[in-house]
Amino acid sequence: RRAIAFHPMSISAAGVFLAGLSGMPSFFTGQAWMTSQWWYLHLANVEVPLSTPLFFDIGVYLVVVGSISSIALALEERESD
C-alpha cells in the first residue's frame, strides 16, 4: 500500500472524469454528444492522430484498473485480518 502513489478509487474517478470530458468537444462544435472528433498533430515529421474515442477508452481503462486494484487491496486487507 505504501508503494502506491494514488489511491485506486482516485484513479477510477479520474477515468470517469476523462470519459465524460471526452464528449465535450462535440458539444462545442454543435454536434450530438459523444460524436467523435479528430485532431492531427505533426511531431517530428510524424502525423499523430488523436480522437475523442481514444480519450474515452483511456478513461474506461483507468476506471477498470482503479476498480480492480481497489478490490484486490480490499481482499488483501480482509485476508490479513
C-alpha atoms as a PDB file:
ATOM      1  CA  ARG A   1       0.000   0.000   0.000  1.00  0.00           C
ATOM      2  CA  ARG A   2       2.870   2.378   0.706  1.00  0.00           C
ATOM      3  CA  ALA A   3       4.227   1.902  -2.819  1.00  0.00           C
ATOM      4  CA  ILE A   4       1.001   3.078  -4.480  1.00  0.00           C
ATOM      5  CA  ALA A   5       1.254   6.743  -5.456  1.00  0.00           C
ATOM      6  CA  PHE A   6      -2.513   7.263  -5.907  1.00  0.00           C
ATOM      7  CA  HIS A   7      -5.489   5.667  -4.215  1.00  0.00           C
ATOM      8  CA  PRO A   8      -7.202   3.241  -6.632  1.00  0.00           C
ATOM      9  CA  MET A   9     -10.550   4.995  -6.301  1.00  0.00           C
ATOM     10  CA  SER A  10      -8.872   8.274  -7.284  1.00  0.00           C
ATOM     11  CA  ILE A  11      -7.662   6.558 -10.444  1.00  0.00           C
ATOM     12  CA  SER A  12     -11.221   5.387 -11.121  1.00  0.00           C
ATOM     13  CA  ALA A  13     -12.598   8.879 -10.508  1.00  0.00           C
ATOM     14  CA  ALA A  14     -10.064  10.369 -12.924  1.00  0.00           C
ATOM     15  CA  GLY A  15     -11.133   7.787 -15.506  1.00  0.00           C
ATOM     16  CA  VAL A  16     -14.811   8.655 -15.134  1.00  0.00           C
ATOM     17  CA  PHE A  17     -13.942  12.342 -15.427  1.00  0.00           C
ATOM     18  CA  LEU A  18     -11.838  11.770 -18.566  1.00  0.00           C
ATOM     19  CA  ALA A  19     -14.503   9.583 -20.176  1.00  0.00           C
ATOM     20  CA  GLY A  20     -17.176  12.190 -19.502  1.00  0.00           C
ATOM     21  CA  LEU A  21     -14.922  15.014 -20.640  1.00  0.00           C
ATOM     22  CA  SER A  22     -14.345  13.284 -23.968  1.00  0.00           C
ATOM     23  CA  GLY A  23     -17.881  14.243 -25.004  1.00  0.00           C
ATOM     24  CA  MET A  24     -17.308  17.968 -24.566  1.00  0.00           C
ATOM     25  CA  PRO A  25     -15.606  18.734 -27.920  1.00  0.00           C
ATOM     26  CA  SER A  26     -18.704  17.614 -29.827  1.00  0.00           C
ATOM     27  CA  PHE A  27     -20.820  19.861 -27.597  1.00  0.00           C
ATOM     28  CA  PHE A  28     -18.741  22.880 -28.584  1.00  0.00           C
ATOM     29  CA  THR A  29     -18.944  22.059 -32.291  1.00  0.00           C
ATOM     30  CA  GLY A  30     -22.744  21.816 -32.197  1.00  0.00           C
ATOM     31  CA  GLN A  31     -22.869  18.082 -32.871  1.00  0.00           C
ATOM     32  CA  ALA A  32     -24.553  15.325 -30.908  1.00  0.00           C
ATOM     33  CA  TRP A  33     -22.991  14.368 -27.568  1.00  0.00           C
ATOM     34  CA  MET A  34     -20.086  11.907 -27.899  1.00  0.00           C
ATOM     35  CA  THR A  35     -19.742  12.430 -31.663  1.00  0.00           C
ATOM     36  CA  SER A  36     -16.121  11.590 -32.361  1.00  0.00           C
ATOM     37  CA  GLN A  37     -13.722  14.412 -33.115  1.00  0.00           C
ATOM     38  CA  TRP A  38     -10.262  14.016 -34.625  1.00  0.00           C
ATOM     39  CA  TRP A  39      -7.131  16.132 -34.355  1.00  0.00           C
ATOM     40  CA  TYR A  40      -3.871  15.551 -36.158  1.00  0.00           C
ATOM     41  CA  LEU A  41      -0.629  16.616 -34.525  1.00  0.00           C
ATOM     42  CA  HIS A  42       2.556  16.815 -36.551  1.00  0.00           C
ATOM     43  CA  LEU A  43       5.508  15.933 -34.337  1.00  0.00           C
ATOM     44  CA  ALA A  44       8.967  15.424 -35.825  1.00  0.00           C
ATOM     45  CA  ASN A  45       7.615  14.685 -39.315  1.00  0.00           C
ATOM     46  CA  VAL A  46       5.161  12.128 -37.924  1.00  0.00           C
ATOM     47  CA  GLU A  47       1.414  12.615 -38.001  1.00  0.00           C
ATOM     48  CA  VAL A  48      -0.178  11.595 -34.694  1.00  0.00           C
ATOM     49  CA  PRO A  49      -3.962  11.244 -34.812  1.00  0.00           C
ATOM     50  CA  LEU A  50      -5.813  11.996 -31.568  1.00  0.00           C
ATOM     51  CA  SER A  51      -9.511  11.411 -31.139  1.00  0.00           C
ATOM     52  CA  THR A  52     -12.211  11.643 -28.518  1.00  0.00           C
ATOM     53  CA  PRO A  53     -12.812   7.859 -28.646  1.00  0.00           C
ATOM     54  CA  LEU A  54      -9.151   7.420 -27.660  1.00  0.00           C
ATOM     55  CA  PHE A  55      -9.648   9.603 -24.576  1.00  0.00           C
ATOM     56  CA  PHE A  56     -12.903   7.796 -23.753  1.00  0.00           C
ATOM     57  CA  ASP A  57     -11.152   4.418 -23.964  1.00  0.00           C
ATOM     58  CA  ILE A  58      -8.295   5.627 -21.766  1.00  0.00           C
ATOM     59  CA  GLY A  59     -10.885   6.794 -19.221  1.00  0.00           C
ATOM     60  CA  VAL A  60     -12.601   3.402 -19.237  1.00  0.00           C
ATOM     61  CA  TYR A  61      -9.201   1.723 -18.836  1.00  0.00           C
ATOM     62  CA  LEU A  62      -8.458   3.870 -15.781  1.00  0.00           C
ATOM     63  CA  VAL A  63     -11.842   3.008 -14.257  1.00  0.00           C
ATOM     64  CA  VAL A  64     -11.204  -0.711 -14.709  1.00  0.00           C
ATOM     65  CA  VAL A  65      -7.635  -0.562 -13.364  1.00  0.00           C
ATOM     66  CA  GLY A  66      -8.685   1.520 -10.366  1.00  0.00           C
ATOM     67  CA  SER A  67     -11.648  -0.717  -9.575  1.00  0.00           C
ATOM     68  CA  ILE A  68      -9.707  -3.968  -9.860  1.00  0.00           C
ATOM     69  CA  SER A  69      -6.877  -2.519  -7.761  1.00  0.00           C
ATOM     70  CA  SER A  70      -9.328  -1.372  -5.113  1.00  0.00           C
ATOM     71  CA  ILE A  71     -10.967  -4.805  -4.997  1.00  0.00           C
ATOM     72  CA  ALA A  72      -7.575  -6.534  -4.789  1.00  0.00           C
ATOM     73  CA  LEU A  73      -6.464  -4.289  -1.937  1.00  0.00           C
ATOM     74  CA  ALA A  74      -9.739  -4.844  -0.097  1.00  0.00           C
ATOM     75  CA  LEU A  75      -9.374  -8.621  -0.462  1.00  0.00           C
ATOM     76  CA  GLU A  76      -5.773  -8.475   0.708  1.00  0.00           C
ATOM     77  CA  GLU A  77      -6.778  -6.420   3.742  1.00  0.00           C
ATOM     78  CA  ARG A  78      -9.633  -8.770   4.539  1.00  0.00           C
ATOM     79  CA  GLU A  79      -7.359 -11.807   4.236  1.00  0.00           C
ATOM     80  CA  SER A  80      -4.787 -10.465   6.702  1.00  0.00           C
ATOM     81  CA  ASP A  81      -7.385  -9.951   9.479  1.00  0.00           C
END
